[in-house]
C-alpha atoms as a PDB file:
ATOM      1  CA  MET A   1      52.962 148.297 -20.828  1.00  0.00           C
ATOM      2  CA  ALA A   2      53.300 144.623 -19.744  1.00  0.00           C
ATOM      3  CA  ALA A   3      50.982 142.415 -20.894  1.00  0.00           C
ATOM      4  CA  LYS A   4      47.889 140.869 -19.879  1.00  0.00           C
ATOM      5  CA  ILE A   5      47.591 137.612 -21.060  1.00  0.00           C
ATOM      6  CA  ARG A   6      51.008 135.978 -22.287  1.00  0.00           C
ATOM      7  CA  LYS A   7      52.178 132.610 -24.055  1.00  0.00           C
ATOM      8  CA  GLY A   8      51.935 130.077 -21.924  1.00  0.00           C
ATOM      9  CA  ASP A   9      48.781 131.039 -19.765  1.00  0.00           C
ATOM     10  CA  LYS A  10      45.771 129.197 -19.312  1.00  0.00           C
ATOM     11  CA  VAL A  11      42.529 131.329 -20.378  1.00  0.00           C
ATOM     12  CA  VAL A  12      38.302 130.726 -19.969  1.00  0.00           C
ATOM     13  CA  VAL A  13      36.840 131.733 -23.534  1.00  0.00           C
ATOM     14  CA  ILE A  14      34.319 134.031 -22.233  1.00  0.00           C
ATOM     15  CA  ALA A  15      32.544 134.517 -26.016  1.00  0.00           C
ATOM     16  CA  GLY A  16      32.093 133.024 -29.192  1.00  0.00           C
ATOM     17  CA  ARG A  17      31.181 129.064 -30.528  1.00  0.00           C
ATOM     18  CA  ASP A  18      33.666 127.737 -27.608  1.00  0.00           C
ATOM     19  CA  LYS A  19      32.171 129.942 -25.082  1.00  0.00           C
ATOM     20  CA  GLY A  20      33.274 128.119 -21.708  1.00  0.00           C
ATOM     21  CA  ARG A  21      36.323 126.098 -22.979  1.00  0.00           C
ATOM     22  CA  THR A  22      39.580 126.392 -21.538  1.00  0.00           C
ATOM     23  CA  GLY A  23      42.933 126.221 -23.066  1.00  0.00           C
ATOM     24  CA  GLU A  24      46.777 127.228 -22.682  1.00  0.00           C
ATOM     25  CA  VAL A  25      47.763 130.845 -25.089  1.00  0.00           C
ATOM     26  CA  ILE A  26      49.763 128.889 -27.538  1.00  0.00           C
ATOM     27  CA  GLU A  27      50.773 132.295 -29.375  1.00  0.00           C
ATOM     28  CA  ILE A  28      50.393 136.082 -29.251  1.00  0.00           C
ATOM     29  CA  HIS A  29      49.539 138.258 -32.028  1.00  0.00           C
ATOM     30  CA  ARG A  30      50.000 141.685 -30.690  1.00  0.00           C
ATOM     31  CA  ALA A  31      49.746 143.666 -33.395  1.00  0.00           C
ATOM     32  CA  ALA A  32      46.015 141.955 -34.123  1.00  0.00           C
ATOM     33  CA  ASP A  33      45.274 142.000 -30.539  1.00  0.00           C
ATOM     34  CA  ARG A  34      44.125 138.152 -31.422  1.00  0.00           C
ATOM     35  CA  ALA A  35      45.524 135.000 -29.582  1.00  0.00           C
ATOM     36  CA  VAL A  36      46.137 131.412 -30.379  1.00  0.00           C
ATOM     37  CA  VAL A  37      44.522 128.877 -27.899  1.00  0.00           C
ATOM     38  CA  ARG A  38      44.872 124.697 -27.199  1.00  0.00           C
ATOM     39  CA  GLY A  39      41.996 122.779 -28.567  1.00  0.00           C
ATOM     40  CA  VAL A  40      40.033 125.986 -28.734  1.00  0.00           C
ATOM     41  CA  HIS A  41      38.490 127.562 -32.142  1.00  0.00           C
ATOM     42  CA  ILE A  42      39.216 124.816 -33.873  1.00  0.00           C
ATOM     43  CA  VAL A  43      39.041 125.121 -38.135  1.00  0.00           C
ATOM     44  CA  ARG A  44      39.581 122.623 -40.915  1.00  0.00           C
ATOM     45  CA  ARG A  45      41.534 123.741 -43.662  1.00  0.00           C
ATOM     46  CA  HIS A  46      42.928 122.452 -46.838  1.00  0.00           C
ATOM     47  CA  GLN A  47      46.428 121.521 -46.498  1.00  0.00           C
ATOM     48  CA  ARG A  48      48.533 120.537 -50.150  1.00  0.00           C
ATOM     49  CA  GLN A  49      50.760 117.558 -50.108  1.00  0.00           C
ATOM     50  CA  THR A  50      54.641 118.862 -49.153  1.00  0.00           C
ATOM     51  CA  ALA A  51      58.039 117.525 -48.160  1.00  0.00           C
ATOM     52  CA  LYS A  52      57.623 117.614 -44.647  1.00  0.00           C
ATOM     53  CA  GLN A  53      53.067 117.542 -44.071  1.00  0.00           C
ATOM     54  CA  GLU A  54      50.939 115.207 -45.893  1.00  0.00           C
ATOM     55  CA  GLY A  55      48.247 116.650 -47.642  1.00  0.00           C
ATOM     56  CA  GLY A  56      44.472 116.587 -47.285  1.00  0.00           C
ATOM     57  CA  ILE A  57      42.251 118.086 -44.709  1.00  0.00           C
ATOM     58  CA  ILE A  58      43.705 119.684 -40.986  1.00  0.00           C
ATOM     59  CA  SER A  59      42.678 120.076 -38.137  1.00  0.00           C
ATOM     60  CA  LYS A  60      44.311 123.195 -36.288  1.00  0.00           C
ATOM     61  CA  GLU A  61      44.085 126.125 -33.660  1.00  0.00           C
ATOM     62  CA  ALA A  62      42.657 129.164 -35.473  1.00  0.00           C
ATOM     63  CA  SER A  63      42.886 132.760 -33.516  1.00  0.00           C
ATOM     64  CA  ILE A  64      40.822 133.993 -31.319  1.00  0.00           C
ATOM     65  CA  HIS A  65      40.402 137.811 -30.246  1.00  0.00           C
ATOM     66  CA  ILE A  66      41.667 138.267 -27.315  1.00  0.00           C
ATOM     67  CA  SER A  67      38.847 140.321 -25.896  1.00  0.00           C
ATOM     68  CA  ASN A  68      37.202 136.658 -25.772  1.00  0.00           C
ATOM     69  CA  ILE A  69      39.376 135.699 -24.117  1.00  0.00           C
ATOM     70  CA  ALA A  70      39.713 135.820 -19.469  1.00  0.00           C
ATOM     71  CA  LEU A  71      42.807 134.294 -17.885  1.00  0.00           C
ATOM     72  CA  ALA A  72      41.810 131.574 -15.465  1.00  0.00           C
ATOM     73  CA  ASP A  73      42.061 132.052 -11.720  1.00  0.00           C
ATOM     74  CA  PRO A  74      45.579 130.135 -10.420  1.00  0.00           C
ATOM     75  CA  LYS A  75      42.920 129.452  -6.749  1.00  0.00           C
ATOM     76  CA  GLY A  76      39.362 127.643  -9.095  1.00  0.00           C
ATOM     77  CA  GLY A  77      39.606 128.341 -12.600  1.00  0.00           C
ATOM     78  CA  LYS A  78      36.835 130.598 -13.473  1.00  0.00           C
ATOM     79  CA  ALA A  79      37.723 134.187 -15.726  1.00  0.00           C
ATOM     80  CA  THR A  80      39.611 136.370 -13.782  1.00  0.00           C
ATOM     81  CA  ARG A  81      40.256 139.966 -14.643  1.00  0.00           C
ATOM     82  CA  VAL A  82      44.058 141.333 -14.714  1.00  0.00           C
ATOM     83  CA  GLY A  83      45.842 143.357 -12.086  1.00  0.00           C
ATOM     84  CA  PHE A  84      49.303 144.612 -11.646  1.00  0.00           C
ATOM     85  CA  LYS A  85      51.182 144.742  -8.348  1.00  0.00           C
ATOM     86  CA  ILE A  86      54.561 146.369  -7.597  1.00  0.00           C
ATOM     87  CA  LEU A  87      56.629 144.100  -5.017  1.00  0.00           C
ATOM     88  CA  SER A  88      58.847 145.190  -1.887  1.00  0.00           C
ATOM     89  CA  ASP A  89      61.852 144.419  -4.032  1.00  0.00           C
ATOM     90  CA  GLY A  90      60.001 146.561  -6.899  1.00  0.00           C
ATOM     91  CA  THR A  91      59.372 143.747  -9.035  1.00  0.00           C
ATOM     92  CA  LYS A  92      55.989 144.887 -11.439  1.00  0.00           C
ATOM     93  CA  VAL A  93      53.993 141.138 -11.141  1.00  0.00           C
ATOM     94  CA  ARG A  94      50.284 139.675 -12.243  1.00  0.00           C
ATOM     95  CA  VAL A  95      47.742 139.503  -9.577  1.00  0.00           C
ATOM     96  CA  ALA A  96      44.094 137.769 -10.574  1.00  0.00           C
ATOM     97  CA  LYS A  97      41.571 139.980  -9.302  1.00  0.00           C
ATOM     98  CA  ARG A  98      39.617 137.549  -8.155  1.00  0.00           C
ATOM     99  CA  SER A  99      41.195 136.344  -5.792  1.00  0.00           C
ATOM    100  CA  GLY A 100      44.096 138.268  -5.808  1.00  0.00           C
ATOM    101  CA  GLU A 101      46.444 135.344  -6.370  1.00  0.00           C
ATOM    102  CA  GLN A 102      49.854 136.070  -8.127  1.00  0.00           C
ATOM    103  CA  ILE A 103      50.127 134.714 -11.339  1.00  0.00           C
ATOM    104  CA  ASN A 104      53.024 132.361 -12.658  1.00  0.00           C
ATOM    105  CA  GLY A 105      55.213 134.494 -15.094  1.00  0.00           C
END
């Protein structure tokens, strides 16, 4: 099955403490139905010092459930649902339901 939200997509948070924020999907965890979005759901973690990284309290993005994010419409930037369309050459593409625009990727 084709994925409705993929790595690199611009998304809008539609529920939770970061509602209304937008960002780019960095990672997708399909098995857990979760995604990591840049600049959204920032948590502070205690990090032990390693050879590569300094110790202390660091801020990083935590995953957010896929049901709490929606794809941003390529035209207006608002949240939209995703549909699929088969082009005349036989390729399957994602389409924004709000504007009908084709989604890159």
